Amino acid sequence: MKYSILCCIGILGLTACTPTTPSHVQVPEIRVITPETSGHDFRRNYTFISNPFRVTELSFRVGGPIRTFSIQNGQFFRKGELIAALDDRDFRIKEQRSGAIYRQAKADFQRIANLYEEDNISGMNYEKAKADHEKAKADYETAVNELNDTRLYAPFDGYVQQTYTERYQDIQPTTPIVRFIDLSRIKVEAYIPEEVALKYRTGKGPSCTITFNALPNQKYHPTDTYLTQSVTDNNISYLFTAILDNHDNTLFGGMSGTLELSYQETSIHSSQSLLIPQSAICHDETAGTFVWRINRQNHINKVPVKIGKVQKNDKIEILSGIAPNDKIAVTGLSALAENDTITIQD
């Protein structure tokens, strides 16, 4: 009995001497972000094959054998330079004959007009002389024009893309002689969908950047852009045309590349909608969809939010519930509780 009492006293003494370990609550350390505005670059890429700014089929307005034609595909001509000429023998003879008839008719008309003013000739003779004069003048002007039309000149600075005939060949009027192209500017075309066309039409036109596969490190911006006002005949899209300056002659027609259209897309729901990482979104039956917001005292609270569309880079649109300067937790969410004090990671 005495032994039992001594054991109990000893145990109590040991217990009394054991130091009490104070309880320690670890403050969670989490990473936070501030929301981004929802306006962001929206990009669409379209492939293309470039075209010359102008392509025309040159032809003579009169027919005959070709006398001058010594050109090659790819040859450059300045505006007004001679490309080809017909044998003008018959046209010169016609011009000379009609010129002589016109000069005679003009002199006759002037003489009869003087007599008519003095009332020495009938009105019928005067009218006949006047008609003969006008007909001779028209015939002469036609002959002069036809003689001039025996020479084919470059309508603008450009290149011969293709020839269709040879020297000495007898050709008919309007028969194509050469295909002539203007490379001072380059035309790039792409078919764009309705949503992008609407951005262009409403004055929020997308910015346009053009790159060529053969020149990947160079970016080009058009001097002019155009959009068809209705869908194309064989497509449900709209034709977008961009014009590039090419006075340094670095670009060709037929080059492949990519046309990028980008614009700031703003949510249709709210001008103040924000973007946060999808990983910051939580959900439970009581609070619904919410995020954890940190106040100035580093206390954390649930804030219900209304979400919108999922955006690129794993972001989601927040339509209401938070402000642009709020601090939102994005890590350690499962261990958080209402009014917890947290430490923000650097």
Protein backbone atom coordinates (compact mmCIF):
# COMPACT_ATOMS: atom_id res chain seq x y z
CA MET A 1 0.00 0.00 0.00
CA LYS A 2 2.78 2.36 0.95
CA TYR A 3 4.60 1.42 -2.27
CA SER A 4 1.55 2.29 -4.43
CA ILE A 5 1.20 5.69 -2.82
CA LEU A 6 4.85 6.48 -3.45
CA CYS A 7 4.52 5.55 -7.15
CA CYS A 8 1.55 7.84 -7.61
CA ILE A 9 3.38 10.71 -5.97
CA GLY A 10 6.35 10.15 -8.26
CA ILE A 11 4.25 10.15 -11.38
CA LEU A 12 2.53 13.36 -10.32
CA GLY A 13 5.87 14.95 -9.66
CA LEU A 14 7.15 14.06 -13.12
CA THR A 15 4.02 15.41 -14.68
CA ALA A 16 4.32 18.67 -12.83
CA CYS A 17 7.90 19.09 -13.96
CA THR A 18 7.20 18.49 -17.64
CA PRO A 19 7.16 21.89 -19.47
CA THR A 20 3.99 22.83 -21.36
CA THR A 21 4.55 23.14 -25.16
CA PRO A 22 2.78 26.27 -26.48
CA SER A 23 0.46 25.71 -29.45
CA HIS A 24 1.68 27.30 -32.82
CA VAL A 25 -0.63 28.00 -35.77
CA GLN A 26 1.23 28.20 -39.13
CA VAL A 27 0.15 31.16 -41.30
CA PRO A 28 -0.35 29.95 -44.92
CA GLU A 29 1.77 31.56 -47.64
CA ILE A 30 -0.01 32.00 -50.96
CA ARG A 31 0.52 33.69 -54.30
CA VAL A 32 -1.87 36.45 -55.35
CA ILE A 33 -2.60 38.34 -58.57
CA THR A 34 -4.53 41.43 -59.60
CA PRO A 35 -7.11 41.09 -62.40
CA GLU A 36 -6.36 42.12 -65.97
CA THR A 37 -8.77 44.13 -68.09
CA SER A 38 -10.77 42.01 -70.54
CA GLY A 39 -9.80 43.99 -73.64
CA HIS A 40 -7.08 41.93 -75.32
CA ASP A 41 -5.54 41.31 -78.67
CA PHE A 42 -7.60 39.00 -80.83
CA ARG A 43 -5.66 37.61 -83.77
CA ARG A 44 -6.63 35.76 -86.91
CA ASN A 45 -4.17 34.53 -89.53
CA TYR A 46 -4.96 33.94 -93.20
CA THR A 47 -2.69 32.56 -95.90
CA PHE A 48 -2.46 34.25 -99.28
CA ILE A 49 -0.70 34.40 -102.63
CA SER A 50 0.28 37.98 -103.52
CA ASN A 51 -0.85 39.64 -106.75
CA PRO A 52 0.38 42.61 -108.77
CA PHE A 53 -1.54 45.80 -108.10
CA ARG A 54 -2.70 45.95 -111.72
CA VAL A 55 -2.83 43.31 -114.46
CA THR A 56 -3.94 44.23 -117.97
CA GLU A 57 -3.99 42.61 -121.39
CA LEU A 58 -2.60 45.09 -123.93
CA SER A 59 -3.89 45.01 -127.50
CA PHE A 60 -4.07 47.13 -130.64
CA ARG A 61 -7.30 48.91 -131.54
CA VAL A 62 -6.55 48.25 -135.22
CA GLY A 63 -5.30 45.18 -137.06
CA GLY A 64 -2.36 44.39 -139.30
CA PRO A 65 1.08 42.74 -139.38
CA ILE A 66 3.39 43.45 -136.43
CA ARG A 67 6.48 45.39 -137.52
CA THR A 68 8.16 46.19 -134.18
CA PHE A 69 8.07 43.60 -131.41
CA SER A 70 11.31 42.66 -129.70
CA ILE A 71 10.55 42.13 -126.03
CA GLN A 72 10.99 39.39 -123.46
CA ASN A 73 8.90 38.16 -120.56
CA GLY A 74 9.87 40.12 -117.48
CA GLN A 75 11.06 43.19 -119.41
CA PHE A 76 10.43 46.53 -117.69
CA PHE A 77 8.87 49.53 -119.45
CA ARG A 78 8.38 53.08 -118.27
CA LYS A 79 5.01 54.70 -118.84
CA GLY A 80 4.81 55.89 -122.46
CA GLU A 81 7.58 53.68 -123.83
CA LEU A 82 6.89 51.80 -127.07
CA ILE A 83 6.10 48.11 -126.63
CA ALA A 84 5.04 47.13 -130.16
CA ALA A 85 4.06 48.67 -133.49
CA LEU A 86 2.14 47.54 -136.57
CA ASP A 87 3.12 48.10 -140.17
CA ASP A 88 1.54 51.53 -140.69
CA ARG A 89 1.89 51.82 -144.50
CA ASP A 90 -1.81 51.58 -145.30
CA PHE A 91 -2.73 53.76 -142.35
CA ARG A 92 -0.35 56.54 -143.44
CA ILE A 93 -1.82 56.47 -146.95
CA LYS A 94 -5.33 56.70 -145.54
CA GLU A 95 -4.31 59.57 -143.28
CA GLN A 96 -2.74 61.48 -146.16
CA ARG A 97 -5.73 60.95 -148.48
CA SER A 98 -8.29 61.93 -145.87
CA GLY A 99 -6.14 64.92 -144.91
CA ALA A 100 -6.16 66.20 -148.48
CA ILE A 101 -9.92 65.74 -148.79
CA TYR A 102 -10.44 67.53 -145.48
CA ARG A 103 -8.30 70.52 -146.47
CA GLN A 104 -10.17 70.82 -149.78
CA ALA A 105 -13.56 70.56 -148.07
CA LYS A 106 -12.51 73.16 -145.53
CA ALA A 107 -11.49 75.60 -148.24
CA ASP A 108 -14.71 75.01 -150.20
CA PHE A 109 -16.83 75.52 -147.11
CA GLN A 110 -15.05 78.77 -146.24
CA ARG A 111 -15.59 80.10 -149.79
CA ILE A 112 -19.28 79.11 -149.85
CA ALA A 113 -19.78 80.54 -146.35
CA ASN A 114 -18.50 83.91 -147.55
CA LEU A 115 -20.86 83.82 -150.54
CA TYR A 116 -23.74 82.82 -148.28
CA GLU A 117 -23.09 85.78 -145.98
CA GLU A 118 -23.32 88.08 -149.03
CA ASP A 119 -26.53 86.33 -150.09
CA ASN A 120 -24.93 85.15 -153.33
CA ILE A 121 -25.63 81.44 -152.87
CA SER A 122 -28.57 79.36 -151.77
CA GLY A 123 -28.93 77.93 -148.29
CA MET A 124 -29.05 74.40 -149.72
CA ASN A 125 -25.58 74.76 -151.23
CA TYR A 126 -24.31 76.19 -147.96
CA GLU A 127 -25.69 73.28 -145.92
CA LYS A 128 -24.22 70.74 -148.36
CA ALA A 129 -20.77 72.35 -148.15
CA LYS A 130 -21.01 72.42 -144.37
CA ALA A 131 -21.93 68.72 -144.22
CA ASP A 132 -19.12 67.79 -146.62
CA HIS A 133 -16.67 69.73 -144.47
CA GLU A 134 -17.76 68.06 -141.23
CA LYS A 135 -17.63 64.59 -142.81
CA ALA A 136 -14.17 65.20 -144.23
CA LYS A 137 -12.99 66.45 -140.83
CA ALA A 138 -14.36 63.34 -139.07
CA ASP A 139 -12.77 61.02 -141.64
CA TYR A 140 -9.43 62.75 -141.23
CA GLU A 141 -9.53 62.58 -137.43
CA THR A 142 -10.41 58.87 -137.64
CA ALA A 143 -7.46 58.26 -139.96
CA VAL A 144 -5.12 60.13 -137.61
CA ASN A 145 -6.36 58.10 -134.63
CA GLU A 146 -5.98 54.81 -136.50
CA LEU A 147 -2.43 55.75 -137.47
CA ASN A 148 -1.62 56.52 -133.85
CA ASP A 149 -3.24 53.23 -132.79
CA THR A 150 -0.64 51.28 -134.78
CA ARG A 151 1.74 51.93 -131.87
CA LEU A 152 1.29 50.27 -128.47
CA TYR A 153 2.70 52.12 -125.46
CA ALA A 154 3.10 51.16 -121.81
CA PRO A 155 0.10 52.60 -119.90
CA PHE A 156 2.08 52.70 -116.63
CA ASP A 157 5.45 51.66 -115.24
CA GLY A 158 5.39 47.89 -115.31
CA TYR A 159 6.64 44.55 -116.52
CA VAL A 160 5.73 42.28 -119.39
CA GLN A 161 4.47 39.15 -117.67
CA GLN A 162 3.67 37.18 -120.83
CA THR A 163 3.77 37.66 -124.60
CA TYR A 164 1.08 36.21 -126.86
CA THR A 165 2.41 36.88 -130.35
CA GLU A 166 5.54 37.22 -132.48
CA ARG A 167 6.95 39.79 -134.85
CA TYR A 168 5.45 39.81 -138.39
CA GLN A 169 2.32 38.01 -137.23
CA ASP A 170 -0.90 39.47 -138.66
CA ILE A 171 -3.23 40.20 -135.77
CA GLN A 172 -6.83 41.34 -135.48
CA PRO A 173 -8.03 44.35 -133.49
CA THR A 174 -8.29 43.77 -129.69
CA THR A 175 -6.20 40.56 -129.90
CA PRO A 176 -4.07 40.43 -126.70
CA ILE A 177 -0.40 41.12 -127.40
CA VAL A 178 1.11 41.05 -123.89
CA ARG A 179 0.05 40.73 -120.29
CA PHE A 180 1.36 43.81 -118.48
CA ILE A 181 1.62 44.06 -114.68
CA ASP A 182 2.17 46.87 -112.19
CA LEU A 183 4.45 45.90 -109.30
CA SER A 184 4.85 49.38 -107.79
CA ARG A 185 2.33 48.06 -105.27
CA ILE A 186 1.36 44.55 -104.23
CA LYS A 187 -2.17 43.35 -103.60
CA VAL A 188 -2.89 40.81 -100.85
CA GLU A 189 -6.35 39.26 -100.52
CA ALA A 190 -7.97 37.05 -97.89
CA TYR A 191 -11.49 35.90 -97.09
CA ILE A 192 -12.56 36.88 -93.57
CA PRO A 193 -15.61 35.81 -91.52
CA GLU A 194 -18.53 37.98 -90.56
CA GLU A 195 -17.33 38.79 -87.03
CA VAL A 196 -14.04 40.24 -88.29
CA ALA A 197 -15.80 42.08 -91.12
CA LEU A 198 -18.10 43.73 -88.57
CA LYS A 199 -15.09 45.04 -86.64
CA TYR A 200 -13.84 46.63 -89.86
CA ARG A 201 -17.25 48.06 -90.78
CA THR A 202 -17.96 49.60 -87.35
CA GLY A 203 -14.79 51.66 -87.35
CA LYS A 204 -12.88 49.31 -85.04
CA GLY A 205 -10.93 48.01 -87.98
CA PRO A 206 -8.31 45.40 -87.19
CA SER A 207 -4.66 46.25 -87.61
CA CYS A 208 -3.08 44.32 -90.44
CA THR A 209 0.40 42.78 -90.46
CA ILE A 210 1.72 40.88 -93.46
CA THR A 211 4.66 38.49 -93.59
CA PHE A 212 6.02 36.53 -96.54
CA ASN A 213 7.32 33.00 -96.19
CA ALA A 214 10.48 33.94 -98.08
CA LEU A 215 11.05 36.97 -95.80
CA PRO A 216 10.06 35.69 -92.34
CA ASN A 217 11.90 38.42 -90.42
CA GLN A 218 10.21 41.33 -92.19
CA LYS A 219 6.75 42.63 -91.37
CA TYR A 220 4.76 44.79 -93.76
CA HIS A 221 1.82 47.09 -93.09
CA PRO A 222 -0.60 48.07 -95.87
CA THR A 223 -1.07 51.61 -97.11
CA ASP A 224 -4.73 50.94 -97.94
CA THR A 225 -7.29 48.27 -97.08
CA TYR A 226 -10.66 47.44 -98.63
CA LEU A 227 -13.56 45.15 -97.75
CA THR A 228 -16.36 43.89 -99.99
CA GLN A 229 -19.78 44.98 -98.76
CA SER A 230 -21.40 41.60 -99.40
CA VAL A 231 -20.26 38.00 -99.34
CA THR A 232 -18.52 36.73 -102.44
CA ASP A 233 -20.42 34.67 -104.99
CA ASN A 234 -18.77 31.34 -104.19
CA ASN A 235 -18.05 31.91 -100.53
CA ILE A 236 -19.82 32.86 -97.31
CA SER A 237 -16.98 35.20 -96.35
CA TYR A 238 -15.98 38.76 -97.19
CA LEU A 239 -13.00 39.63 -99.37
CA PHE A 240 -10.40 41.70 -97.51
CA THR A 241 -7.80 43.43 -99.70
CA ALA A 242 -4.58 45.02 -98.47
CA ILE A 243 -2.28 47.14 -100.64
CA LEU A 244 1.48 47.20 -99.96
CA ASP A 245 3.94 49.78 -101.24
CA ASN A 246 6.67 48.14 -103.34
CA HIS A 247 8.68 50.99 -104.82
CA ASP A 248 11.90 49.30 -103.70
CA ASN A 249 10.96 46.27 -105.86
CA THR A 250 11.58 43.73 -103.10
CA LEU A 251 8.30 41.88 -103.60
CA PHE A 252 6.91 39.84 -106.48
CA GLY A 253 3.47 38.71 -107.46
CA GLY A 254 2.80 35.09 -106.55
CA MET A 255 4.64 35.13 -103.20
CA SER A 256 3.03 33.13 -100.39
CA GLY A 257 2.60 34.50 -96.91
CA THR A 258 0.38 35.15 -93.91
CA LEU A 259 -1.95 38.06 -93.30
CA GLU A 260 -2.59 38.70 -89.60
CA LEU A 261 -5.59 40.72 -88.47
CA SER A 262 -5.60 41.77 -84.82
CA TYR A 263 -7.86 44.00 -82.81
CA GLN A 264 -8.80 44.77 -79.24
CA GLU A 265 -11.77 42.59 -78.38
CA THR A 266 -13.92 43.94 -75.54
CA SER A 267 -16.58 41.91 -73.74
CA ILE A 268 -20.13 42.56 -74.87
CA HIS A 269 -21.31 42.06 -71.28
CA SER A 270 -19.45 44.85 -69.48
CA SER A 271 -16.86 47.45 -70.21
CA GLN A 272 -15.39 46.70 -66.73
CA SER A 273 -15.09 42.92 -67.08
CA LEU A 274 -11.80 41.49 -65.86
CA LEU A 275 -9.60 38.46 -66.50
CA ILE A 276 -8.08 36.14 -63.90
CA PRO A 277 -6.55 32.64 -64.10
CA GLN A 278 -9.10 29.84 -64.19
CA SER A 279 -7.24 28.22 -61.28
CA ALA A 280 -8.42 31.07 -59.01
CA ILE A 281 -12.09 30.09 -59.39
CA CYS A 282 -13.67 28.05 -56.56
CA HIS A 283 -17.15 26.64 -56.07
CA ASP A 284 -19.24 25.22 -53.24
CA GLU A 285 -22.94 24.70 -52.60
CA THR A 286 -23.22 27.58 -50.14
CA ALA A 287 -21.24 30.36 -51.79
CA GLY A 288 -21.61 29.20 -55.38
CA THR A 289 -18.82 30.41 -57.66
CA PHE A 290 -16.33 32.57 -55.76
CA VAL A 291 -12.73 33.69 -55.41
CA TRP A 292 -10.57 34.35 -52.37
CA ARG A 293 -9.87 38.07 -51.96
CA ILE A 294 -7.20 39.48 -49.63
CA ASN A 295 -7.82 42.75 -47.79
CA ARG A 296 -5.30 45.27 -46.45
CA GLN A 297 -4.87 43.36 -43.19
CA ASN A 298 -3.99 40.21 -45.16
CA HIS A 299 -7.25 38.58 -44.11
CA ILE A 300 -8.92 36.42 -46.72
CA ASN A 301 -12.61 36.34 -47.64
CA LYS A 302 -14.86 34.58 -50.13
CA VAL A 303 -16.25 36.88 -52.82
CA PRO A 304 -19.02 35.57 -55.12
CA VAL A 305 -18.33 36.32 -58.78
CA LYS A 306 -20.13 36.03 -62.09
CA ILE A 307 -17.99 34.44 -64.77
CA GLY A 308 -18.05 35.00 -68.53
CA LYS A 309 -16.19 33.43 -71.44
CA VAL A 310 -13.00 31.44 -71.20
CA GLN A 311 -10.17 33.38 -72.84
CA LYS A 312 -6.72 32.46 -74.12
CA ASN A 313 -3.80 31.62 -71.80
CA ASP A 314 -6.15 29.80 -69.38
CA LYS A 315 -7.84 33.05 -68.32
CA ILE A 316 -11.52 33.47 -67.58
CA GLU A 317 -13.66 36.57 -67.79
CA ILE A 318 -15.14 37.96 -64.55
CA LEU A 319 -18.25 40.00 -65.24
CA SER A 320 -18.95 41.15 -61.66
CA GLY A 321 -17.83 40.70 -58.05
CA ILE A 322 -14.28 42.04 -58.03
CA ALA A 323 -12.47 45.28 -58.85
CA PRO A 324 -9.34 45.88 -60.95
CA ASN A 325 -7.09 46.50 -57.89
CA ASP A 326 -8.28 43.54 -55.82
CA LYS A 327 -5.75 40.92 -54.73
CA ILE A 328 -6.95 37.42 -55.62
CA ALA A 329 -5.44 34.18 -54.28
CA VAL A 330 -4.32 31.67 -56.90
CA THR A 331 -2.47 29.00 -54.87
CA GLY A 332 -3.25 26.93 -51.76
CA LEU A 333 -6.97 27.49 -52.19
CA SER A 334 -8.08 24.17 -50.67
CA ALA A 335 -6.44 25.01 -47.31
CA LEU A 336 -8.01 28.47 -46.92
CA ALA A 337 -10.84 29.39 -44.58
CA GLU A 338 -12.90 32.53 -44.10
CA ASN A 339 -11.02 35.37 -42.30
CA ASP A 340 -7.74 33.46 -42.28
CA THR A 341 -4.61 35.56 -42.03
CA ILE A 342 -2.21 34.77 -44.85
CA THR A 343 1.28 35.67 -45.99
CA ILE A 344 1.71 36.84 -49.58
CA GLN A 345 4.50 35.25 -51.56
CA ASP A 346 7.02 37.63 -53.07
